[in-house]
Amino acid sequence: MRISIISVAVTACCLFLVGCGILLYNNTRVPPEAMDRHAYCADCINYASRVDDMIRRSKNVRGNKQFFKYASDVSCRGQLLISKRCLRYRRAFLDDPDKFMFDIEVPSQACIAIKAC
């Protein structure tokens, strides 16, 4: 069987179009948390409140980086852990612990700062 140049060109063009379609689909897909933005924000505020509550219950640990990391780890549990959202919040808060050790006193502002709300 002889392959003609036209059939090769048509096949290559179709493969190129399919590849472009796949790339466009992956780049324009909406992340799951953006579909339910309010729940994503509420989960962040809940997580930040847990961390802040743990810091408030312990005396004189507000500026302690090690305790902030511990509180961030322990507060990541339950449905937040299953949905993997708290891992994103935790990572964002621990990227700049010097700032968020004190900003987490107001959980809504801390979540706005990490662009979760």
N, C-alpha and C. Protein backbone atom coordinates (compact mmCIF):
# COMPACT_ATOMS: atom_id res chain seq x y z
N MET A 1 0.83 -1.17 0.00
CA MET A 1 0.00 0.00 0.00
C MET A 1 0.89 1.24 0.00
N ARG A 2 0.52 2.12 -0.83
CA ARG A 2 1.30 3.32 -1.00
C ARG A 2 0.66 4.48 -0.25
N ILE A 3 1.45 5.21 0.56
CA ILE A 3 0.95 6.34 1.34
C ILE A 3 1.18 7.61 0.53
N SER A 4 0.10 8.35 0.34
CA SER A 4 0.23 9.59 -0.42
C SER A 4 0.55 10.75 0.52
N ILE A 5 1.10 11.78 -0.05
CA ILE A 5 1.47 12.96 0.71
C ILE A 5 0.23 13.65 1.28
N ILE A 6 -0.85 13.61 0.56
CA ILE A 6 -2.08 14.26 1.01
C ILE A 6 -2.61 13.59 2.28
N SER A 7 -2.61 12.26 2.33
CA SER A 7 -3.13 11.57 3.52
C SER A 7 -2.22 11.81 4.73
N VAL A 8 -0.91 11.89 4.52
CA VAL A 8 0.01 12.19 5.61
C VAL A 8 -0.22 13.61 6.11
N ALA A 9 -0.42 14.55 5.20
CA ALA A 9 -0.65 15.94 5.58
C ALA A 9 -1.96 16.10 6.35
N VAL A 10 -3.01 15.42 5.90
CA VAL A 10 -4.30 15.50 6.59
C VAL A 10 -4.20 14.88 7.98
N THR A 11 -3.51 13.75 8.09
CA THR A 11 -3.33 13.09 9.39
C THR A 11 -2.53 13.97 10.34
N ALA A 12 -1.46 14.57 9.86
CA ALA A 12 -0.64 15.45 10.69
C ALA A 12 -1.44 16.66 11.14
N CYS A 13 -2.24 17.21 10.26
CA CYS A 13 -3.06 18.37 10.60
C CYS A 13 -4.10 18.01 11.67
N CYS A 14 -4.72 16.85 11.52
CA CYS A 14 -5.71 16.41 12.51
C CYS A 14 -5.06 16.18 13.87
N LEU A 15 -3.90 15.55 13.89
CA LEU A 15 -3.20 15.33 15.16
C LEU A 15 -2.80 16.66 15.80
N PHE A 16 -2.38 17.60 14.99
CA PHE A 16 -2.02 18.92 15.50
C PHE A 16 -3.23 19.61 16.13
N LEU A 17 -4.37 19.56 15.45
CA LEU A 17 -5.59 20.18 15.97
C LEU A 17 -6.06 19.52 17.27
N VAL A 18 -5.96 18.20 17.33
CA VAL A 18 -6.35 17.48 18.55
C VAL A 18 -5.41 17.88 19.70
N GLY A 19 -4.12 17.96 19.42
CA GLY A 19 -3.15 18.37 20.45
C GLY A 19 -3.42 19.78 20.94
N CYS A 20 -3.71 20.70 20.03
CA CYS A 20 -4.03 22.08 20.43
C CYS A 20 -5.31 22.12 21.27
N GLY A 21 -6.29 21.32 20.89
CA GLY A 21 -7.53 21.26 21.66
C GLY A 21 -7.30 20.76 23.07
N ILE A 22 -6.47 19.75 23.22
CA ILE A 22 -6.16 19.22 24.56
C ILE A 22 -5.44 20.27 25.39
N LEU A 23 -4.48 20.96 24.80
CA LEU A 23 -3.76 22.01 25.54
C LEU A 23 -4.69 23.14 25.96
N LEU A 24 -5.57 23.56 25.08
CA LEU A 24 -6.51 24.63 25.42
C LEU A 24 -7.47 24.18 26.51
N TYR A 25 -7.93 22.94 26.45
CA TYR A 25 -8.85 22.43 27.46
C TYR A 25 -8.18 22.40 28.83
N ASN A 26 -6.95 21.95 28.90
CA ASN A 26 -6.25 21.86 30.19
C ASN A 26 -5.93 23.23 30.75
N ASN A 27 -5.64 24.20 29.91
CA ASN A 27 -5.29 25.54 30.39
C ASN A 27 -6.50 26.36 30.80
N THR A 28 -7.66 26.09 30.23
CA THR A 28 -8.85 26.88 30.54
C THR A 28 -9.78 26.18 31.52
N ARG A 29 -9.40 25.01 32.00
CA ARG A 29 -10.25 24.29 32.94
C ARG A 29 -10.28 25.03 34.27
N VAL A 30 -11.44 25.14 34.85
CA VAL A 30 -11.62 25.85 36.11
C VAL A 30 -11.24 24.91 37.26
N PRO A 31 -10.37 25.34 38.16
CA PRO A 31 -10.03 24.48 39.30
C PRO A 31 -11.25 24.24 40.18
N PRO A 32 -11.32 23.08 40.83
CA PRO A 32 -12.51 22.74 41.62
C PRO A 32 -12.82 23.74 42.71
N GLU A 33 -11.80 24.32 43.34
CA GLU A 33 -12.08 25.26 44.42
C GLU A 33 -12.66 26.57 43.90
N ALA A 34 -12.39 26.90 42.64
CA ALA A 34 -12.93 28.14 42.09
C ALA A 34 -14.42 27.99 41.79
N MET A 35 -14.88 26.76 41.57
CA MET A 35 -16.30 26.54 41.32
C MET A 35 -17.12 26.85 42.57
N ASP A 36 -16.55 26.57 43.71
CA ASP A 36 -17.24 26.83 44.96
C ASP A 36 -16.35 27.74 45.81
N ARG A 37 -16.21 28.97 45.36
CA ARG A 37 -15.27 29.91 45.96
C ARG A 37 -15.62 30.22 47.42
N HIS A 38 -16.91 30.27 47.73
CA HIS A 38 -17.30 30.60 49.10
C HIS A 38 -16.90 29.49 50.07
N ALA A 39 -17.07 28.25 49.66
CA ALA A 39 -16.67 27.13 50.53
C ALA A 39 -15.16 27.11 50.71
N TYR A 40 -14.43 27.44 49.65
CA TYR A 40 -12.97 27.47 49.73
C TYR A 40 -12.52 28.54 50.72
N CYS A 41 -13.16 29.69 50.68
CA CYS A 41 -12.83 30.78 51.60
C CYS A 41 -13.23 30.42 53.03
N ALA A 42 -14.41 29.82 53.19
CA ALA A 42 -14.87 29.44 54.53
C ALA A 42 -13.96 28.39 55.14
N ASP A 43 -13.49 27.45 54.33
CA ASP A 43 -12.56 26.44 54.84
C ASP A 43 -11.25 27.08 55.29
N CYS A 44 -10.79 28.07 54.55
CA CYS A 44 -9.55 28.76 54.93
C CYS A 44 -9.74 29.49 56.25
N ILE A 45 -10.86 30.17 56.40
CA ILE A 45 -11.12 30.90 57.65
C ILE A 45 -11.23 29.92 58.82
N ASN A 46 -11.87 28.78 58.58
CA ASN A 46 -11.98 27.75 59.62
C ASN A 46 -10.60 27.25 60.03
N TYR A 47 -9.77 26.97 59.04
CA TYR A 47 -8.42 26.47 59.31
C TYR A 47 -7.59 27.53 60.06
N ALA A 48 -7.65 28.76 59.59
CA ALA A 48 -6.89 29.84 60.24
C ALA A 48 -7.40 30.07 61.67
N SER A 49 -8.69 29.92 61.88
CA SER A 49 -9.25 30.07 63.23
C SER A 49 -8.75 28.97 64.16
N ARG A 50 -8.63 27.76 63.63
CA ARG A 50 -8.10 26.66 64.44
C ARG A 50 -6.65 26.93 64.85
N VAL A 51 -5.86 27.40 63.90
CA VAL A 51 -4.46 27.70 64.20
C VAL A 51 -4.39 28.82 65.24
N ASP A 52 -5.17 29.87 65.03
CA ASP A 52 -5.15 30.99 65.97
C ASP A 52 -5.65 30.57 67.35
N ASP A 53 -6.67 29.73 67.40
CA ASP A 53 -7.18 29.26 68.68
C ASP A 53 -6.11 28.47 69.44
N MET A 54 -5.37 27.66 68.73
CA MET A 54 -4.31 26.88 69.37
C MET A 54 -3.22 27.81 69.92
N ILE A 55 -2.91 28.86 69.17
CA ILE A 55 -1.90 29.82 69.63
C ILE A 55 -2.41 30.60 70.84
N ARG A 56 -3.69 30.98 70.82
CA ARG A 56 -4.27 31.74 71.93
C ARG A 56 -4.32 30.92 73.22
N ARG A 57 -4.64 29.62 73.09
CA ARG A 57 -4.72 28.77 74.29
C ARG A 57 -3.37 28.57 74.95
N SER A 58 -2.32 28.60 74.16
CA SER A 58 -0.97 28.47 74.72
C SER A 58 -0.46 29.87 75.05
N LYS A 59 0.19 29.99 76.13
CA LYS A 59 0.64 31.32 76.58
C LYS A 59 2.02 31.65 76.01
N ASN A 60 2.18 32.88 75.59
CA ASN A 60 3.47 33.43 75.15
C ASN A 60 4.11 32.66 74.00
N VAL A 61 3.32 32.25 73.01
CA VAL A 61 3.91 31.55 71.85
C VAL A 61 3.60 32.27 70.54
N ARG A 62 3.06 33.48 70.61
CA ARG A 62 2.63 34.18 69.38
C ARG A 62 3.77 34.34 68.38
N GLY A 63 4.97 34.60 68.76
CA GLY A 63 6.07 34.81 67.82
C GLY A 63 6.96 33.61 67.61
N ASN A 64 6.55 32.44 68.09
CA ASN A 64 7.37 31.24 68.02
C ASN A 64 7.12 30.50 66.70
N LYS A 65 8.11 30.49 65.80
CA LYS A 65 7.94 29.84 64.49
C LYS A 65 7.68 28.35 64.61
N GLN A 66 8.37 27.72 65.54
CA GLN A 66 8.22 26.27 65.68
C GLN A 66 6.80 25.92 66.15
N PHE A 67 6.26 26.70 67.07
CA PHE A 67 4.89 26.43 67.52
C PHE A 67 3.89 26.75 66.41
N PHE A 68 4.16 27.79 65.63
CA PHE A 68 3.27 28.13 64.52
C PHE A 68 3.23 26.98 63.51
N LYS A 69 4.37 26.39 63.22
CA LYS A 69 4.41 25.24 62.31
C LYS A 69 3.66 24.06 62.91
N TYR A 70 3.84 23.83 64.21
CA TYR A 70 3.14 22.74 64.90
C TYR A 70 1.63 22.97 64.85
N ALA A 71 1.19 24.18 65.15
CA ALA A 71 -0.24 24.49 65.12
C ALA A 71 -0.80 24.34 63.71
N SER A 72 -0.02 24.71 62.70
CA SER A 72 -0.45 24.55 61.31
C SER A 72 -0.59 23.08 60.94
N ASP A 73 0.31 22.26 61.43
CA ASP A 73 0.25 20.82 61.15
C ASP A 73 -0.93 20.16 61.84
N VAL A 74 -1.12 20.46 63.11
CA VAL A 74 -2.16 19.80 63.90
C VAL A 74 -3.55 20.25 63.47
N SER A 75 -3.69 21.48 63.03
CA SER A 75 -5.00 22.00 62.64
C SER A 75 -5.48 21.45 61.31
N CYS A 76 -4.62 20.83 60.57
CA CYS A 76 -4.97 20.26 59.26
C CYS A 76 -5.49 18.84 59.49
N ARG A 77 -6.82 18.73 59.68
CA ARG A 77 -7.41 17.43 59.97
C ARG A 77 -8.84 17.39 59.47
N GLY A 78 -9.41 16.21 59.48
CA GLY A 78 -10.81 16.03 59.11
C GLY A 78 -11.07 16.25 57.63
N GLN A 79 -12.21 16.87 57.33
CA GLN A 79 -12.62 17.08 55.94
C GLN A 79 -11.64 17.99 55.20
N LEU A 80 -11.02 18.93 55.91
CA LEU A 80 -10.02 19.79 55.27
C LEU A 80 -8.84 18.98 54.78
N LEU A 81 -8.44 17.97 55.54
CA LEU A 81 -7.31 17.13 55.13
C LEU A 81 -7.71 16.24 53.96
N ILE A 82 -8.92 15.70 54.01
CA ILE A 82 -9.39 14.82 52.94
C ILE A 82 -9.48 15.58 51.62
N SER A 83 -9.99 16.80 51.67
CA SER A 83 -10.13 17.60 50.44
C SER A 83 -8.81 18.18 49.97
N LYS A 84 -7.76 18.08 50.79
CA LYS A 84 -6.41 18.59 50.51
C LYS A 84 -6.35 20.11 50.43
N ARG A 85 -7.41 20.77 50.86
CA ARG A 85 -7.39 22.23 50.85
C ARG A 85 -6.46 22.77 51.92
N CYS A 86 -6.49 22.14 53.10
CA CYS A 86 -5.68 22.70 54.19
C CYS A 86 -4.19 22.57 53.89
N LEU A 87 -3.82 21.63 53.04
CA LEU A 87 -2.41 21.53 52.66
C LEU A 87 -1.99 22.76 51.87
N ARG A 88 -2.90 23.28 51.05
CA ARG A 88 -2.61 24.51 50.31
C ARG A 88 -2.52 25.71 51.25
N TYR A 89 -3.48 25.78 52.19
CA TYR A 89 -3.46 26.88 53.15
C TYR A 89 -2.20 26.82 53.99
N ARG A 90 -1.88 25.62 54.47
CA ARG A 90 -0.70 25.42 55.32
C ARG A 90 0.56 25.86 54.60
N ARG A 91 0.68 25.43 53.34
CA ARG A 91 1.86 25.78 52.54
C ARG A 91 1.94 27.29 52.36
N ALA A 92 0.80 27.93 52.11
CA ALA A 92 0.80 29.38 51.91
C ALA A 92 1.17 30.12 53.20
N PHE A 93 0.63 29.65 54.33
CA PHE A 93 0.95 30.31 55.60
C PHE A 93 2.41 30.08 55.99
N LEU A 94 2.94 28.91 55.72
CA LEU A 94 4.32 28.61 56.12
C LEU A 94 5.35 29.16 55.14
N ASP A 95 4.91 29.66 53.98
CA ASP A 95 5.85 30.31 53.06
C ASP A 95 6.41 31.59 53.67
N ASP A 96 5.61 32.27 54.48
CA ASP A 96 6.05 33.49 55.15
C ASP A 96 5.60 33.47 56.61
N PRO A 97 6.22 32.61 57.42
CA PRO A 97 5.76 32.47 58.81
C PRO A 97 5.92 33.74 59.64
N ASP A 98 6.92 34.55 59.35
CA ASP A 98 7.11 35.79 60.12
C ASP A 98 5.90 36.71 60.01
N LYS A 99 5.30 36.75 58.83
CA LYS A 99 4.14 37.60 58.62
C LYS A 99 2.88 36.97 59.21
N PHE A 100 2.65 35.69 58.91
CA PHE A 100 1.38 35.08 59.26
C PHE A 100 1.28 34.65 60.72
N MET A 101 2.41 34.59 61.44
CA MET A 101 2.33 34.29 62.88
C MET A 101 1.48 35.33 63.59
N PHE A 102 1.52 36.55 63.09
CA PHE A 102 0.77 37.63 63.71
C PHE A 102 -0.51 37.95 62.94
N ASP A 103 -0.49 37.80 61.61
CA ASP A 103 -1.67 38.11 60.80
C ASP A 103 -2.81 37.12 61.01
N ILE A 104 -2.49 35.93 61.49
CA ILE A 104 -3.52 34.91 61.65
C ILE A 104 -4.47 35.22 62.81
N GLU A 105 -4.16 36.27 63.58
CA GLU A 105 -5.08 36.72 64.64
C GLU A 105 -6.42 37.13 64.05
N VAL A 106 -6.41 37.62 62.82
CA VAL A 106 -7.64 37.95 62.11
C VAL A 106 -7.71 36.99 60.92
N PRO A 107 -8.38 35.83 61.09
CA PRO A 107 -8.35 34.78 60.07
C PRO A 107 -8.82 35.23 58.69
N SER A 108 -9.83 36.10 58.64
CA SER A 108 -10.32 36.53 57.32
C SER A 108 -9.25 37.33 56.57
N GLN A 109 -8.52 38.17 57.28
CA GLN A 109 -7.46 38.95 56.63
C GLN A 109 -6.30 38.06 56.20
N ALA A 110 -6.00 37.04 56.99
CA ALA A 110 -4.94 36.11 56.62
C ALA A 110 -5.31 35.34 55.36
N CYS A 111 -6.58 34.95 55.25
CA CYS A 111 -7.03 34.21 54.06
C CYS A 111 -7.06 35.11 52.83
N ILE A 112 -7.39 36.37 53.02
CA ILE A 112 -7.33 37.31 51.90
C ILE A 112 -5.89 37.50 51.46
N ALA A 113 -4.97 37.52 52.40
CA ALA A 113 -3.55 37.71 52.08
C ALA A 113 -2.98 36.55 51.27
N ILE A 114 -3.49 35.32 51.49
CA ILE A 114 -2.99 34.18 50.70
C ILE A 114 -3.87 33.92 49.48
N LYS A 115 -4.81 34.85 49.22
CA LYS A 115 -5.69 34.81 48.05
C LYS A 115 -6.62 33.60 48.07
N ALA A 116 -7.06 33.21 49.26
CA ALA A 116 -8.06 32.14 49.37
C ALA A 116 -9.46 32.74 49.39
N CYS A 117 -9.56 34.03 49.65
CA CYS A 117 -10.86 34.71 49.66
C CYS A 117 -10.82 35.90 48.71
